[in-house]
Structures are given as structure tokens and as C-alpha cells.
């Protein structure tokens, strides 16, 4: 597990190996961004996710999973497009969204799950 820190915000990278512990076993709801280095909209979401952590980090855990390095988890959740966002609560996916979006729009879409 690698944690990127920028000021008071951290977005954690998860892998196939630690997905169960970090996401499925988390106490808070978890927003997972299925991402790839070659995906421009995914890179565009970096600052949005950091801002989201700064604003909602006490109510929501935010992690990223690289689809190229972690095919088992990517295939298990049938992720075909990047970025795909999935919210997990109690070990189950409760919401999925595809494509980059502004922080305001993302917060609106997350309102019913956090």
C-alpha cells in the first residue's frame, strides 16, 4: 500500500492483494477510483479526489486502484472504462459512476451514500 500525502490530504493506492482489507473491511464508506496511468481523465481527477479527502475524509475513505497492475479486482467488478468510481459500504458495492466529473458533481452523487 502506498499513500500519497499532499498537505492534509491523502489518497491511498490499493492493490489486488490488499483490496479486501483496505476496501471491503473498511469501517467508513470507501470511494474507489479504478484508474490507469495512460488515462488523461483519470489524471484530471487527482486534484478533485484530494479536495474530496480534505472535505469529507472523516466520513469517506478515498482510494485508487491501477487497473493495469490489478486485473483480478478490476475483472471481479467488471470495470471496463476509466475512470470508474465505485462506492463500497459494508464490503459491498453500493454505487458506480463512470467518467471524470467536477468535485461539486461528485459530492452530489455521493450524498446518498456518505
C-alpha atoms as a PDB file:
ATOM      1  CA  UNK A   1       0.000   0.000   0.000  1.00  0.00           C
ATOM      2  CA  UNK A   2       1.308   3.438  -0.950  1.00  0.00           C
ATOM      3  CA  UNK A   3      -0.107   6.639   0.483  1.00  0.00           C
ATOM      4  CA  UNK A   4       0.383   9.933  -1.323  1.00  0.00           C
ATOM      5  CA  UNK A   5       0.348  12.905   1.008  1.00  0.00           C
ATOM      6  CA  UNK A   6      -0.255  16.483  -0.074  1.00  0.00           C
ATOM      7  CA  UNK A   7      -0.803  18.800   2.843  1.00  0.00           C
ATOM      8  CA  UNK A   8      -3.626  17.281   4.871  1.00  0.00           C
ATOM      9  CA  UNK A   9      -4.992  15.140   2.053  1.00  0.00           C
ATOM     10  CA  UNK A  10      -4.133  11.542   1.225  1.00  0.00           C
ATOM     11  CA  UNK A  11      -5.406   9.272  -1.500  1.00  0.00           C
ATOM     12  CA  UNK A  12      -4.309   5.690  -0.874  1.00  0.00           C
ATOM     13  CA  UNK A  13      -3.289   3.298  -3.631  1.00  0.00           C
ATOM     14  CA  UNK A  14      -4.734  -0.191  -3.164  1.00  0.00           C
ATOM     15  CA  UNK A  15      -3.885  -3.449  -4.931  1.00  0.00           C
ATOM     16  CA  UNK A  16      -5.438  -6.841  -5.578  1.00  0.00           C
ATOM     17  CA  UNK A  17      -3.514  -8.053  -2.510  1.00  0.00           C
ATOM     18  CA  UNK A  18      -4.878  -5.503  -0.014  1.00  0.00           C
ATOM     19  CA  UNK A  19      -8.263  -4.618  -1.593  1.00  0.00           C
ATOM     20  CA  UNK A  20     -10.203  -6.831   0.810  1.00  0.00           C
ATOM     21  CA  UNK A  21      -8.583  -5.346   3.924  1.00  0.00           C
ATOM     22  CA  UNK A  22      -8.473  -1.722   2.740  1.00  0.00           C
ATOM     23  CA  UNK A  23     -11.846  -1.502   0.984  1.00  0.00           C
ATOM     24  CA  UNK A  24     -14.145  -4.389   1.855  1.00  0.00           C
ATOM     25  CA  UNK A  25     -13.134  -4.374   5.516  1.00  0.00           C
ATOM     26  CA  UNK A  26     -13.172  -0.590   5.998  1.00  0.00           C
ATOM     27  CA  UNK A  27     -15.416   0.948   8.620  1.00  0.00           C
ATOM     28  CA  UNK A  28     -16.122   4.065   6.560  1.00  0.00           C
ATOM     29  CA  UNK A  29     -17.706   4.021   3.105  1.00  0.00           C
ATOM     30  CA  UNK A  30     -14.909   3.802   0.512  1.00  0.00           C
ATOM     31  CA  UNK A  31     -14.763   5.567  -2.860  1.00  0.00           C
ATOM     32  CA  UNK A  32     -12.566   3.529  -5.202  1.00  0.00           C
ATOM     33  CA  UNK A  33     -11.272   5.127  -8.385  1.00  0.00           C
ATOM     34  CA  UNK A  34     -10.351   2.459 -10.920  1.00  0.00           C
ATOM     35  CA  UNK A  35      -7.624   4.310 -12.793  1.00  0.00           C
ATOM     36  CA  UNK A  36      -4.716   3.962 -15.230  1.00  0.00           C
ATOM     37  CA  UNK A  37      -1.553   5.979 -15.862  1.00  0.00           C
ATOM     38  CA  UNK A  38      -2.410   6.286 -19.566  1.00  0.00           C
ATOM     39  CA  UNK A  39      -5.868   7.763 -18.875  1.00  0.00           C
ATOM     40  CA  UNK A  40      -5.991  11.614 -19.115  1.00  0.00           C
ATOM     41  CA  UNK A  41      -9.426  11.934 -17.406  1.00  0.00           C
ATOM     42  CA  UNK A  42      -8.051   9.798 -14.543  1.00  0.00           C
ATOM     43  CA  UNK A  43      -5.107  12.174 -14.056  1.00  0.00           C
ATOM     44  CA  UNK A  44      -7.577  15.074 -14.172  1.00  0.00           C
ATOM     45  CA  UNK A  45      -9.392  13.546 -11.164  1.00  0.00           C
ATOM     46  CA  UNK A  46      -6.291  13.632  -8.901  1.00  0.00           C
ATOM     47  CA  UNK A  47      -6.858  17.158  -7.519  1.00  0.00           C
ATOM     48  CA  UNK A  48     -10.618  16.516  -7.246  1.00  0.00           C
ATOM     49  CA  UNK A  49     -10.047  13.397  -5.137  1.00  0.00           C
ATOM     50  CA  UNK A  50      -7.522  15.186  -2.899  1.00  0.00           C
ATOM     51  CA  UNK A  51     -10.019  18.002  -2.342  1.00  0.00           C
ATOM     52  CA  UNK A  52     -12.702  15.420  -1.591  1.00  0.00           C
ATOM     53  CA  UNK A  53     -10.469  13.804   1.055  1.00  0.00           C
ATOM     54  CA  UNK A  54      -9.802  17.220   2.608  1.00  0.00           C
ATOM     55  CA  UNK A  55     -13.530  17.947   2.779  1.00  0.00           C
ATOM     56  CA  UNK A  56     -15.062  14.529   3.548  1.00  0.00           C
ATOM     57  CA  UNK A  57     -12.128  12.462   4.890  1.00  0.00           C
ATOM     58  CA  UNK A  58     -13.826  11.946   8.241  1.00  0.00           C
ATOM     59  CA  UNK A  59     -16.880  10.374   6.519  1.00  0.00           C
ATOM     60  CA  UNK A  60     -15.361   8.775   3.405  1.00  0.00           C
ATOM     61  CA  UNK A  61     -12.160   6.899   2.584  1.00  0.00           C
ATOM     62  CA  UNK A  62     -10.810   7.541  -0.928  1.00  0.00           C
ATOM     63  CA  UNK A  63      -8.530   5.053  -2.701  1.00  0.00           C
ATOM     64  CA  UNK A  64      -7.205   4.434  -6.195  1.00  0.00           C
ATOM     65  CA  UNK A  65      -6.656   1.082  -7.896  1.00  0.00           C
ATOM     66  CA  UNK A  66      -4.472   0.856 -11.014  1.00  0.00           C
ATOM     67  CA  UNK A  67      -6.377  -1.389 -13.433  1.00  0.00           C
ATOM     68  CA  UNK A  68      -3.272  -2.474 -15.351  1.00  0.00           C
ATOM     69  CA  UNK A  69      -1.436  -3.689 -12.239  1.00  0.00           C
ATOM     70  CA  UNK A  70      -4.509  -5.194 -10.547  1.00  0.00           C
ATOM     71  CA  UNK A  71      -6.523  -7.208 -13.073  1.00  0.00           C
ATOM     72  CA  UNK A  72      -8.183  -9.545 -10.547  1.00  0.00           C
ATOM     73  CA  UNK A  73     -10.088  -6.778  -8.741  1.00  0.00           C
ATOM     74  CA  UNK A  74     -10.763  -4.914 -11.985  1.00  0.00           C
ATOM     75  CA  UNK A  75     -12.293  -8.033 -13.566  1.00  0.00           C
ATOM     76  CA  UNK A  76     -14.181  -9.038 -10.413  1.00  0.00           C
ATOM     77  CA  UNK A  77     -16.143  -5.760 -10.543  1.00  0.00           C
ATOM     78  CA  UNK A  78     -16.429  -5.780 -14.368  1.00  0.00           C
ATOM     79  CA  UNK A  79     -14.699  -2.425 -14.790  1.00  0.00           C
ATOM     80  CA  UNK A  80     -14.332  -1.630 -18.494  1.00  0.00           C
ATOM     81  CA  UNK A  81     -13.922   2.176 -18.627  1.00  0.00           C
ATOM     82  CA  UNK A  82     -11.608   4.554 -16.805  1.00  0.00           C
ATOM     83  CA  UNK A  83     -12.102   6.301 -14.579  1.00  0.00           C
ATOM     84  CA  UNK A  84     -14.782   4.205 -12.904  1.00  0.00           C
ATOM     85  CA  UNK A  85     -15.766   5.167  -9.375  1.00  0.00           C
ATOM     86  CA  UNK A  86     -17.364   2.656  -7.031  1.00  0.00           C
ATOM     87  CA  UNK A  87     -18.565   3.264  -3.517  1.00  0.00           C
ATOM     88  CA  UNK A  88     -18.290   0.317  -1.149  1.00  0.00           C
ATOM     89  CA  UNK A  89     -20.140   0.199   2.154  1.00  0.00           C
ATOM     90  CA  UNK A  90     -20.092  -2.802   4.454  1.00  0.00           C
ATOM     91  CA  UNK A  91     -17.977  -4.738   1.956  1.00  0.00           C
ATOM     92  CA  UNK A  92     -20.464  -4.345  -0.903  1.00  0.00           C
ATOM     93  CA  UNK A  93     -20.527  -2.011  -3.916  1.00  0.00           C
ATOM     94  CA  UNK A  94     -23.467   0.361  -3.464  1.00  0.00           C
ATOM     95  CA  UNK A  95     -22.901   2.843  -6.295  1.00  0.00           C
ATOM     96  CA  UNK A  96     -20.908   3.064  -9.542  1.00  0.00           C
ATOM     97  CA  UNK A  97     -20.146   6.051 -11.765  1.00  0.00           C
ATOM     98  CA  UNK A  98     -18.112   6.240 -14.975  1.00  0.00           C
ATOM     99  CA  UNK A  99     -16.143   9.238 -16.214  1.00  0.00           C
ATOM    100  CA  UNK A 100     -14.433  12.322 -14.838  1.00  0.00           C
ATOM    101  CA  UNK A 101     -16.544  14.904 -13.054  1.00  0.00           C
ATOM    102  CA  UNK A 102     -16.179  18.121 -11.070  1.00  0.00           C
ATOM    103  CA  UNK A 103     -15.933  17.929  -7.271  1.00  0.00           C
ATOM    104  CA  UNK A 104     -19.358  19.546  -6.843  1.00  0.00           C
ATOM    105  CA  UNK A 105     -20.983  16.938  -9.116  1.00  0.00           C
ATOM    106  CA  UNK A 106     -19.120  14.097  -7.388  1.00  0.00           C
ATOM    107  CA  UNK A 107     -20.268  15.322  -3.969  1.00  0.00           C
ATOM    108  CA  UNK A 108     -23.872  15.478  -5.228  1.00  0.00           C
ATOM    109  CA  UNK A 109     -23.641  11.908  -6.472  1.00  0.00           C
ATOM    110  CA  UNK A 110     -22.104  10.718  -3.183  1.00  0.00           C
ATOM    111  CA  UNK A 111     -24.630  12.492  -0.945  1.00  0.00           C
ATOM    112  CA  UNK A 112     -26.856   9.432  -0.561  1.00  0.00           C
ATOM    113  CA  UNK A 113     -24.015   7.036   0.339  1.00  0.00           C
ATOM    114  CA  UNK A 114     -21.905   9.014   2.819  1.00  0.00           C
END
